[in-house]
């Protein structure tokens, strides 16, 4: 991270956080790996939402 100047760190960090959030939502929607690792009660709750 020393190569990246301080003014560029915040936008990159913001982009990474948004990307992880979207990836998590897509994992839940399409019942991916992390969705399958959740307990069954949480899976059924999330399946009803999405």
C-alpha atoms as a PDB file:
ATOM      1  CA  UNK A   1       0.000   0.000   0.000  1.00  0.00           C
ATOM      2  CA  UNK A   2       2.999   2.317   0.120  1.00  0.00           C
ATOM      3  CA  UNK A   3       2.813   2.762  -3.634  1.00  0.00           C
ATOM      4  CA  UNK A   4      -0.742   4.100  -3.487  1.00  0.00           C
ATOM      5  CA  UNK A   5      -0.930   7.727  -2.449  1.00  0.00           C
ATOM      6  CA  UNK A   6      -3.126   8.709   0.463  1.00  0.00           C
ATOM      7  CA  UNK A   7      -5.680  10.492  -1.711  1.00  0.00           C
ATOM      8  CA  UNK A   8      -6.310   7.290  -3.701  1.00  0.00           C
ATOM      9  CA  UNK A   9      -6.692   4.930  -0.741  1.00  0.00           C
ATOM     10  CA  UNK A  10     -10.216   5.946   0.274  1.00  0.00           C
ATOM     11  CA  UNK A  11     -11.847   5.521  -3.146  1.00  0.00           C
ATOM     12  CA  UNK A  12     -10.151   2.149  -3.618  1.00  0.00           C
ATOM     13  CA  UNK A  13     -11.204   0.988  -0.150  1.00  0.00           C
ATOM     14  CA  UNK A  14     -14.768   2.182  -0.801  1.00  0.00           C
ATOM     15  CA  UNK A  15     -14.833   0.308  -4.127  1.00  0.00           C
ATOM     16  CA  UNK A  16     -13.586  -2.916  -2.493  1.00  0.00           C
ATOM     17  CA  UNK A  17     -16.219  -2.706   0.260  1.00  0.00           C
ATOM     18  CA  UNK A  18     -19.012  -2.128  -2.279  1.00  0.00           C
ATOM     19  CA  UNK A  19     -17.702  -5.009  -4.398  1.00  0.00           C
ATOM     20  CA  UNK A  20     -17.697  -7.389  -1.412  1.00  0.00           C
ATOM     21  CA  UNK A  21     -21.222  -6.299  -0.460  1.00  0.00           C
ATOM     22  CA  UNK A  22     -22.535  -6.963  -3.961  1.00  0.00           C
ATOM     23  CA  UNK A  23     -20.724 -10.308  -4.074  1.00  0.00           C
ATOM     24  CA  UNK A  24     -22.352 -11.282  -0.768  1.00  0.00           C
ATOM     25  CA  UNK A  25     -25.814 -10.375  -2.028  1.00  0.00           C
ATOM     26  CA  UNK A  26     -25.280 -12.358  -5.207  1.00  0.00           C
ATOM     27  CA  UNK A  27     -24.020 -15.326  -3.175  1.00  0.00           C
ATOM     28  CA  UNK A  28     -27.220 -15.284  -1.125  1.00  0.00           C
ATOM     29  CA  UNK A  29     -29.434 -14.827  -4.191  1.00  0.00           C
ATOM     30  CA  UNK A  30     -27.903 -17.708  -6.131  1.00  0.00           C
ATOM     31  CA  UNK A  31     -27.326 -19.864  -3.022  1.00  0.00           C
ATOM     32  CA  UNK A  32     -23.567 -20.003  -3.376  1.00  0.00           C
ATOM     33  CA  UNK A  33     -20.845 -21.438  -1.173  1.00  0.00           C
ATOM     34  CA  UNK A  34     -21.187 -19.101   1.804  1.00  0.00           C
ATOM     35  CA  UNK A  35     -24.967 -19.377   1.706  1.00  0.00           C
ATOM     36  CA  UNK A  36     -24.669 -23.165   1.969  1.00  0.00           C
ATOM     37  CA  UNK A  37     -22.403 -22.829   5.007  1.00  0.00           C
ATOM     38  CA  UNK A  38     -25.131 -21.012   6.950  1.00  0.00           C
ATOM     39  CA  UNK A  39     -27.458 -22.907   9.299  1.00  0.00           C
ATOM     40  CA  UNK A  40     -30.670 -24.169   7.675  1.00  0.00           C
ATOM     41  CA  UNK A  41     -32.913 -21.783   9.620  1.00  0.00           C
ATOM     42  CA  UNK A  42     -30.987 -18.764   8.354  1.00  0.00           C
ATOM     43  CA  UNK A  43     -30.955 -20.196   4.820  1.00  0.00           C
ATOM     44  CA  UNK A  44     -34.716 -20.526   4.771  1.00  0.00           C
ATOM     45  CA  UNK A  45     -35.151 -16.988   6.158  1.00  0.00           C
ATOM     46  CA  UNK A  46     -32.860 -15.506   3.527  1.00  0.00           C
ATOM     47  CA  UNK A  47     -34.481 -17.557   0.767  1.00  0.00           C
ATOM     48  CA  UNK A  48     -37.834 -16.014   1.650  1.00  0.00           C
ATOM     49  CA  UNK A  49     -36.393 -12.513   1.421  1.00  0.00           C
ATOM     50  CA  UNK A  50     -34.679 -13.018  -1.933  1.00  0.00           C
END
